[in-house]
Structure formats: C-alpha cells, structure tokens
All heavy atoms as atom14 arrays in JSON, in Angstrom:
{
  "sequence": "PRAETLFNGIAYHWYFNNIFSPRRLTDTHDKYPNK",
  "atom14_mask": [
    [1, 1, 1, 1, 1, 1, 1, 0, 0, 0, 0, 0, 0, 0],
    [1, 1, 1, 1, 1, 1, 1, 1, 1, 1, 1, 0, 0, 0],
    [1, 1, 1, 1, 1, 0, 0, 0, 0, 0, 0, 0, 0, 0],
    [1, 1, 1, 1, 1, 1, 1, 1, 1, 0, 0, 0, 0, 0],
    [1, 1, 1, 1, 1, 1, 1, 0, 0, 0, 0, 0, 0, 0],
    [1, 1, 1, 1, 1, 1, 1, 1, 0, 0, 0, 0, 0, 0],
    [1, 1, 1, 1, 1, 1, 1, 1, 1, 1, 1, 0, 0, 0],
    [1, 1, 1, 1, 1, 1, 1, 1, 0, 0, 0, 0, 0, 0],
    [1, 1, 1, 1, 0, 0, 0, 0, 0, 0, 0, 0, 0, 0],
    [1, 1, 1, 1, 1, 1, 1, 1, 0, 0, 0, 0, 0, 0],
    [1, 1, 1, 1, 1, 0, 0, 0, 0, 0, 0, 0, 0, 0],
    [1, 1, 1, 1, 1, 1, 1, 1, 1, 1, 1, 1, 0, 0],
    [1, 1, 1, 1, 1, 1, 1, 1, 1, 1, 0, 0, 0, 0],
    [1, 1, 1, 1, 1, 1, 1, 1, 1, 1, 1, 1, 1, 1],
    [1, 1, 1, 1, 1, 1, 1, 1, 1, 1, 1, 1, 0, 0],
    [1, 1, 1, 1, 1, 1, 1, 1, 1, 1, 1, 0, 0, 0],
    [1, 1, 1, 1, 1, 1, 1, 1, 0, 0, 0, 0, 0, 0],
    [1, 1, 1, 1, 1, 1, 1, 1, 0, 0, 0, 0, 0, 0],
    [1, 1, 1, 1, 1, 1, 1, 1, 0, 0, 0, 0, 0, 0],
    [1, 1, 1, 1, 1, 1, 1, 1, 1, 1, 1, 0, 0, 0],
    [1, 1, 1, 1, 1, 1, 0, 0, 0, 0, 0, 0, 0, 0],
    [1, 1, 1, 1, 1, 1, 1, 0, 0, 0, 0, 0, 0, 0],
    [1, 1, 1, 1, 1, 1, 1, 1, 1, 1, 1, 0, 0, 0],
    [1, 1, 1, 1, 1, 1, 1, 1, 1, 1, 1, 0, 0, 0],
    [1, 1, 1, 1, 1, 1, 1, 1, 0, 0, 0, 0, 0, 0],
    [1, 1, 1, 1, 1, 1, 1, 0, 0, 0, 0, 0, 0, 0],
    [1, 1, 1, 1, 1, 1, 1, 1, 0, 0, 0, 0, 0, 0],
    [1, 1, 1, 1, 1, 1, 1, 0, 0, 0, 0, 0, 0, 0],
    [1, 1, 1, 1, 1, 1, 1, 1, 1, 1, 0, 0, 0, 0],
    [1, 1, 1, 1, 1, 1, 1, 1, 0, 0, 0, 0, 0, 0],
    [1, 1, 1, 1, 1, 1, 1, 1, 1, 0, 0, 0, 0, 0],
    [1, 1, 1, 1, 1, 1, 1, 1, 1, 1, 1, 1, 0, 0],
    [1, 1, 1, 1, 1, 1, 1, 0, 0, 0, 0, 0, 0, 0],
    [1, 1, 1, 1, 1, 1, 1, 1, 0, 0, 0, 0, 0, 0],
    [1, 1, 1, 1, 1, 1, 1, 1, 1, 0, 0, 0, 0, 0]
  ],
  "atom14_positions": [
    [[84.08, 106.67, 75.93], [84.19, 105.28, 75.46], [85.58, 104.92, 74.96], [86.0, 103.75, 75.07], [83.17, 105.22, 74.32], [82.16, 106.28, 74.67], [82.96, 107.38, 75.31], [0.0, 0.0, 0.0], [0.0, 0.0, 0.0], [0.0, 0.0, 0.0], [0.0, 0.0, 0.0], [0.0, 0.0, 0.0], [0.0, 0.0, 0.0], [0.0, 0.0, 0.0]],
    [[86.33, 105.89, 74.43], [87.69, 105.58, 73.97], [88.6, 105.19, 75.13], [89.59, 104.48, 74.93], [88.27, 106.79, 73.22], [87.6, 107.09, 71.89], [88.14, 108.38, 71.31], [87.9, 109.52, 72.19], [88.52, 110.69, 72.1], [89.47, 110.87, 71.19], [88.23, 111.66, 72.95], [0.0, 0.0, 0.0], [0.0, 0.0, 0.0], [0.0, 0.0, 0.0]],
    [[88.27, 105.65, 76.33], [89.08, 105.3, 77.5], [89.0, 103.81, 77.79], [89.98, 103.2, 78.23], [88.63, 106.11, 78.72], [0.0, 0.0, 0.0], [0.0, 0.0, 0.0], [0.0, 0.0, 0.0], [0.0, 0.0, 0.0], [0.0, 0.0, 0.0], [0.0, 0.0, 0.0], [0.0, 0.0, 0.0], [0.0, 0.0, 0.0], [0.0, 0.0, 0.0]],
    [[87.85, 103.21, 77.56], [87.71, 101.78, 77.82], [88.62, 100.97, 76.9], [89.09, 99.89, 77.26], [86.26, 101.34, 77.65], [86.03, 99.92, 78.11], [84.56, 99.56, 78.3], [83.69, 100.43, 78.08], [84.29, 98.41, 78.67], [0.0, 0.0, 0.0], [0.0, 0.0, 0.0], [0.0, 0.0, 0.0], [0.0, 0.0, 0.0], [0.0, 0.0, 0.0]],
    [[88.88, 101.5, 75.72], [89.82, 100.84, 74.81], [91.26, 101.1, 75.22], [92.11, 100.2, 75.16], [89.6, 101.35, 73.37], [88.25, 101.09, 72.98], [90.56, 100.67, 72.4], [0.0, 0.0, 0.0], [0.0, 0.0, 0.0], [0.0, 0.0, 0.0], [0.0, 0.0, 0.0], [0.0, 0.0, 0.0], [0.0, 0.0, 0.0], [0.0, 0.0, 0.0]],
    [[91.54, 102.33, 75.66], [92.92, 102.71, 75.98], [93.43, 102.07, 77.26], [94.56, 101.56, 77.31], [93.03, 104.23, 76.09], [94.41, 104.76, 76.49], [95.44, 104.46, 75.39], [94.35, 106.27, 76.76], [0.0, 0.0, 0.0], [0.0, 0.0, 0.0], [0.0, 0.0, 0.0], [0.0, 0.0, 0.0], [0.0, 0.0, 0.0], [0.0, 0.0, 0.0]],
    [[92.63, 102.09, 78.31], [93.11, 101.61, 79.62], [93.11, 100.09, 79.67], [92.09, 99.45, 79.49], [92.25, 102.19, 80.74], [92.55, 103.62, 81.06], [91.79, 104.64, 80.5], [93.59, 103.96, 81.91], [92.07, 105.97, 80.78], [93.87, 105.28, 82.21], [93.11, 106.29, 81.64], [0.0, 0.0, 0.0], [0.0, 0.0, 0.0], [0.0, 0.0, 0.0]],
    [[94.27, 99.53, 79.94], [94.41, 98.08, 80.04], [94.09, 97.56, 81.43], [93.73, 96.4, 81.6], [95.85, 97.66, 79.71], [96.32, 98.17, 78.36], [96.87, 99.26, 78.29], [96.1, 97.4, 77.31], [0.0, 0.0, 0.0], [0.0, 0.0, 0.0], [0.0, 0.0, 0.0], [0.0, 0.0, 0.0], [0.0, 0.0, 0.0], [0.0, 0.0, 0.0]],
    [[94.28, 98.43, 82.44], [94.12, 97.97, 83.81], [93.58, 99.03, 84.73], [93.36, 100.18, 84.34], [0.0, 0.0, 0.0], [0.0, 0.0, 0.0], [0.0, 0.0, 0.0], [0.0, 0.0, 0.0], [0.0, 0.0, 0.0], [0.0, 0.0, 0.0], [0.0, 0.0, 0.0], [0.0, 0.0, 0.0], [0.0, 0.0, 0.0], [0.0, 0.0, 0.0]],
    [[93.38, 98.62, 85.97], [92.83, 99.48, 87.02], [93.76, 99.39, 88.22], [94.08, 98.28, 88.69], [91.4, 99.03, 87.41], [90.46, 99.12, 86.19], [90.87, 99.85, 88.57], [89.25, 98.22, 86.3], [0.0, 0.0, 0.0], [0.0, 0.0, 0.0], [0.0, 0.0, 0.0], [0.0, 0.0, 0.0], [0.0, 0.0, 0.0], [0.0, 0.0, 0.0]],
    [[94.23, 100.54, 88.69], [95.16, 100.59, 89.82], [94.43, 101.14, 91.05], [93.58, 102.02, 90.93], [96.34, 101.49, 89.46], [0.0, 0.0, 0.0], [0.0, 0.0, 0.0], [0.0, 0.0, 0.0], [0.0, 0.0, 0.0], [0.0, 0.0, 0.0], [0.0, 0.0, 0.0], [0.0, 0.0, 0.0], [0.0, 0.0, 0.0], [0.0, 0.0, 0.0]],
    [[94.79, 100.62, 92.2], [94.17, 101.13, 93.43], [95.17, 100.98, 94.58], [96.17, 100.28, 94.48], [92.87, 100.37, 93.75], [93.12, 98.96, 94.24], [93.09, 98.65, 95.6], [93.42, 97.95, 93.34], [93.35, 97.37, 96.04], [93.68, 96.66, 93.78], [93.65, 96.38, 95.13], [93.92, 95.11, 95.57], [0.0, 0.0, 0.0], [0.0, 0.0, 0.0]],
    [[94.87, 101.69, 95.71], [95.73, 101.67, 96.9], [95.03, 100.94, 98.04], [93.82, 100.76, 98.02], [96.09, 103.09, 97.31], [96.92, 103.81, 96.28], [97.35, 105.11, 96.45], [97.39, 103.42, 95.07], [98.05, 105.49, 95.4], [98.08, 104.48, 94.54], [0.0, 0.0, 0.0], [0.0, 0.0, 0.0], [0.0, 0.0, 0.0], [0.0, 0.0, 0.0]],
    [[95.82, 100.59, 99.06], [95.28, 99.72, 100.11], [94.66, 100.46, 101.3], [94.03, 99.84, 102.15], [96.38, 98.79, 100.6], [97.16, 99.25, 101.8], [97.62, 100.5, 102.08], [97.58, 98.42, 102.9], [98.32, 100.5, 103.26], [98.31, 99.24, 103.79], [97.43, 97.08, 103.21], [98.87, 98.76, 104.96], [97.99, 96.6, 104.38], [98.7, 97.42, 105.24]],
    [[94.82, 101.77, 101.38], [94.36, 102.51, 102.55], [92.84, 102.37, 102.72], [92.09, 102.49, 101.76], [94.77, 103.97, 102.45], [96.24, 104.12, 102.13], [96.67, 104.42, 100.83], [97.22, 103.9, 103.1], [98.02, 104.52, 100.51], [98.57, 103.99, 102.79], [98.97, 104.3, 101.5], [100.3, 104.38, 101.19], [0.0, 0.0, 0.0], [0.0, 0.0, 0.0]],
    [[92.4, 102.15, 103.94], [90.99, 101.96, 104.3], [90.42, 100.63, 103.8], [89.21, 100.45, 103.77], [90.12, 103.13, 103.8], [90.65, 104.48, 104.18], [91.22, 105.31, 103.23], [90.6, 104.92, 105.49], [91.72, 106.55, 103.56], [91.09, 106.17, 105.85], [91.66, 106.99, 104.88], [0.0, 0.0, 0.0], [0.0, 0.0, 0.0], [0.0, 0.0, 0.0]],
    [[91.3, 99.69, 103.42], [90.8, 98.39, 102.97], [90.01, 97.67, 104.05], [89.15, 96.85, 103.76], [91.97, 97.49, 102.53], [92.39, 97.74, 101.09], [91.84, 98.61, 100.42], [93.35, 96.99, 100.62], [0.0, 0.0, 0.0], [0.0, 0.0, 0.0], [0.0, 0.0, 0.0], [0.0, 0.0, 0.0], [0.0, 0.0, 0.0], [0.0, 0.0, 0.0]],
    [[90.33, 97.97, 105.32], [89.61, 97.32, 106.41], [88.17, 97.8, 106.51], [87.34, 97.18, 107.18], [90.32, 97.58, 107.75], [90.44, 99.06, 108.07], [90.66, 99.88, 107.17], [90.3, 99.41, 109.33], [0.0, 0.0, 0.0], [0.0, 0.0, 0.0], [0.0, 0.0, 0.0], [0.0, 0.0, 0.0], [0.0, 0.0, 0.0], [0.0, 0.0, 0.0]],
    [[87.85, 98.88, 105.84], [86.49, 99.44, 105.87], [85.68, 99.01, 104.65], [84.49, 98.74, 104.75], [86.53, 100.98, 105.95], [87.28, 101.42, 107.22], [85.13, 101.57, 105.92], [87.47, 102.93, 107.31], [0.0, 0.0, 0.0], [0.0, 0.0, 0.0], [0.0, 0.0, 0.0], [0.0, 0.0, 0.0], [0.0, 0.0, 0.0], [0.0, 0.0, 0.0]],
    [[86.35, 98.93, 103.5], [85.65, 98.67, 102.25], [85.96, 97.27, 101.74], [87.1, 96.92, 101.5], [86.02, 99.73, 101.21], [85.62, 101.12, 101.62], [86.52, 101.96, 102.25], [84.33, 101.56, 101.42], [86.15, 103.24, 102.64], [83.95, 102.83, 101.82], [84.86, 103.67, 102.43], [0.0, 0.0, 0.0], [0.0, 0.0, 0.0], [0.0, 0.0, 0.0]],
    [[84.93, 96.49, 101.56], [85.03, 95.06, 101.26], [85.81, 94.79, 99.98], [85.67, 95.5, 98.98], [83.62, 94.47, 101.12], [83.69, 93.17, 100.59], [0.0, 0.0, 0.0], [0.0, 0.0, 0.0], [0.0, 0.0, 0.0], [0.0, 0.0, 0.0], [0.0, 0.0, 0.0], [0.0, 0.0, 0.0], [0.0, 0.0, 0.0], [0.0, 0.0, 0.0]],
    [[86.62, 93.7, 100.0], [87.29, 93.29, 98.76], [86.32, 92.83, 97.69], [86.72, 92.64, 96.53], [88.21, 92.15, 99.22], [87.57, 91.62, 100.46], [86.95, 92.81, 101.13], [0.0, 0.0, 0.0], [0.0, 0.0, 0.0], [0.0, 0.0, 0.0], [0.0, 0.0, 0.0], [0.0, 0.0, 0.0], [0.0, 0.0, 0.0], [0.0, 0.0, 0.0]],
    [[85.07, 92.66, 98.05], [84.06, 92.3, 97.07], [84.01, 93.34, 95.95], [83.66, 93.02, 94.81], [82.69, 92.2, 97.75], [81.54, 91.85, 96.8], [81.66, 90.45, 96.25], [80.91, 90.31, 95.0], [80.81, 89.2, 94.3], [81.41, 88.11, 94.73], [80.12, 89.15, 93.18], [0.0, 0.0, 0.0], [0.0, 0.0, 0.0], [0.0, 0.0, 0.0]],
    [[84.4, 94.58, 96.26], [84.44, 95.62, 95.23], [85.4, 95.25, 94.11], [85.19, 95.61, 92.94], [84.87, 96.96, 95.85], [83.83, 97.57, 96.79], [84.38, 98.75, 97.56], [83.39, 99.3, 98.45], [82.63, 100.36, 98.18], [82.78, 100.99, 97.03], [81.75, 100.8, 99.05], [0.0, 0.0, 0.0], [0.0, 0.0, 0.0], [0.0, 0.0, 0.0]],
    [[86.47, 94.54, 94.45], [87.42, 94.1, 93.43], [86.79, 93.06, 92.51], [86.92, 93.14, 91.28], [88.67, 93.52, 94.1], [89.44, 94.48, 95.01], [90.46, 93.7, 95.84], [90.12, 95.57, 94.2], [0.0, 0.0, 0.0], [0.0, 0.0, 0.0], [0.0, 0.0, 0.0], [0.0, 0.0, 0.0], [0.0, 0.0, 0.0], [0.0, 0.0, 0.0]],
    [[86.11, 92.09, 93.1], [85.44, 91.07, 92.29], [84.34, 91.69, 91.45], [84.15, 91.33, 90.27], [84.88, 89.97, 93.2], [85.98, 89.3, 93.84], [84.07, 88.96, 92.41], [0.0, 0.0, 0.0], [0.0, 0.0, 0.0], [0.0, 0.0, 0.0], [0.0, 0.0, 0.0], [0.0, 0.0, 0.0], [0.0, 0.0, 0.0], [0.0, 0.0, 0.0]],
    [[83.58, 92.62, 92.02], [82.53, 93.31, 91.25], [83.13, 94.02, 90.04], [82.57, 94.01, 88.94], [81.79, 94.31, 92.13], [80.92, 93.64, 93.18], [80.67, 92.42, 93.06], [80.52, 94.32, 94.14], [0.0, 0.0, 0.0], [0.0, 0.0, 0.0], [0.0, 0.0, 0.0], [0.0, 0.0, 0.0], [0.0, 0.0, 0.0], [0.0, 0.0, 0.0]],
    [[84.3, 94.66, 90.26], [84.96, 95.37, 89.16], [85.44, 94.38, 88.11], [85.28, 94.62, 86.9], [86.15, 96.19, 89.7], [85.67, 97.1, 90.71], [86.81, 96.99, 88.59], [0.0, 0.0, 0.0], [0.0, 0.0, 0.0], [0.0, 0.0, 0.0], [0.0, 0.0, 0.0], [0.0, 0.0, 0.0], [0.0, 0.0, 0.0], [0.0, 0.0, 0.0]],
    [[86.04, 93.27, 88.55], [86.47, 92.25, 87.6], [85.29, 91.71, 86.79], [85.39, 91.52, 85.57], [87.15, 91.1, 88.32], [87.29, 89.87, 87.46], [88.27, 89.74, 86.51], [86.53, 88.73, 87.4], [88.13, 88.59, 85.89], [87.09, 87.96, 86.41], [0.0, 0.0, 0.0], [0.0, 0.0, 0.0], [0.0, 0.0, 0.0], [0.0, 0.0, 0.0]],
    [[84.19, 91.45, 87.47], [83.03, 90.88, 86.78], [82.47, 91.83, 85.72], [81.98, 91.39, 84.68], [81.94, 90.52, 87.78], [82.34, 89.33, 88.67], [83.33, 88.64, 88.33], [81.66, 89.11, 89.69], [0.0, 0.0, 0.0], [0.0, 0.0, 0.0], [0.0, 0.0, 0.0], [0.0, 0.0, 0.0], [0.0, 0.0, 0.0], [0.0, 0.0, 0.0]],
    [[82.54, 93.13, 85.99], [82.05, 94.12, 85.02], [83.04, 94.34, 83.89], [82.64, 94.62, 82.75], [81.79, 95.47, 85.72], [80.62, 95.46, 86.68], [80.37, 96.84, 87.25], [79.32, 97.57, 86.46], [78.86, 98.82, 87.14], [0.0, 0.0, 0.0], [0.0, 0.0, 0.0], [0.0, 0.0, 0.0], [0.0, 0.0, 0.0], [0.0, 0.0, 0.0]],
    [[84.33, 94.23, 84.21], [85.38, 94.51, 83.22], [86.42, 93.38, 83.23], [87.57, 93.58, 83.62], [86.04, 95.86, 83.51], [85.05, 96.99, 83.64], [84.65, 97.45, 84.9], [84.49, 97.57, 82.51], [83.72, 98.48, 85.02], [83.55, 98.6, 82.61], [83.16, 99.04, 83.88], [82.24, 100.06, 83.98], [0.0, 0.0, 0.0], [0.0, 0.0, 0.0]],
    [[86.02, 92.18, 82.82], [86.91, 91.02, 82.95], [88.18, 91.09, 82.1], [89.13, 90.36, 82.37], [86.02, 89.85, 82.49], [84.96, 90.48, 81.64], [84.71, 91.82, 82.24], [0.0, 0.0, 0.0], [0.0, 0.0, 0.0], [0.0, 0.0, 0.0], [0.0, 0.0, 0.0], [0.0, 0.0, 0.0], [0.0, 0.0, 0.0], [0.0, 0.0, 0.0]],
    [[88.19, 91.98, 81.12], [89.39, 92.11, 80.28], [90.35, 93.17, 80.8], [91.36, 93.47, 80.15], [89.01, 92.42, 78.84], [88.27, 93.75, 78.7], [87.61, 94.18, 79.64], [88.36, 94.38, 77.55], [0.0, 0.0, 0.0], [0.0, 0.0, 0.0], [0.0, 0.0, 0.0], [0.0, 0.0, 0.0], [0.0, 0.0, 0.0], [0.0, 0.0, 0.0]],
    [[90.06, 93.77, 81.96], [90.96, 94.74, 82.58], [91.63, 94.13, 83.81], [90.94, 93.63, 84.7], [90.2, 96.01, 83.01], [89.34, 96.64, 81.92], [90.15, 97.13, 80.74], [89.26, 97.78, 79.69], [90.01, 98.12, 78.46], [0.0, 0.0, 0.0], [0.0, 0.0, 0.0], [0.0, 0.0, 0.0], [0.0, 0.0, 0.0], [0.0, 0.0, 0.0]]
  ]
}
C-alpha cells in the first residue's frame, strides 16, 4: 500500500500496441485517476 502513495505515475512502452487495446490505458486511468 505504501507504493500507491510513493508512485506518482505509470510508465509503459509501445511494443505490441497493435495487439493490446488502448482501452487498457483508460481502464488504468479510471482505476487510478490521480496517477
């Protein structure tokens, strides 16, 4: 739980983006709107 306080953001790479929907980004934002 302390990690949720420490980490300000989420980093990711673009490889295989054509396979995995960008909806995953919105889902992540919706779960963690302050990151």
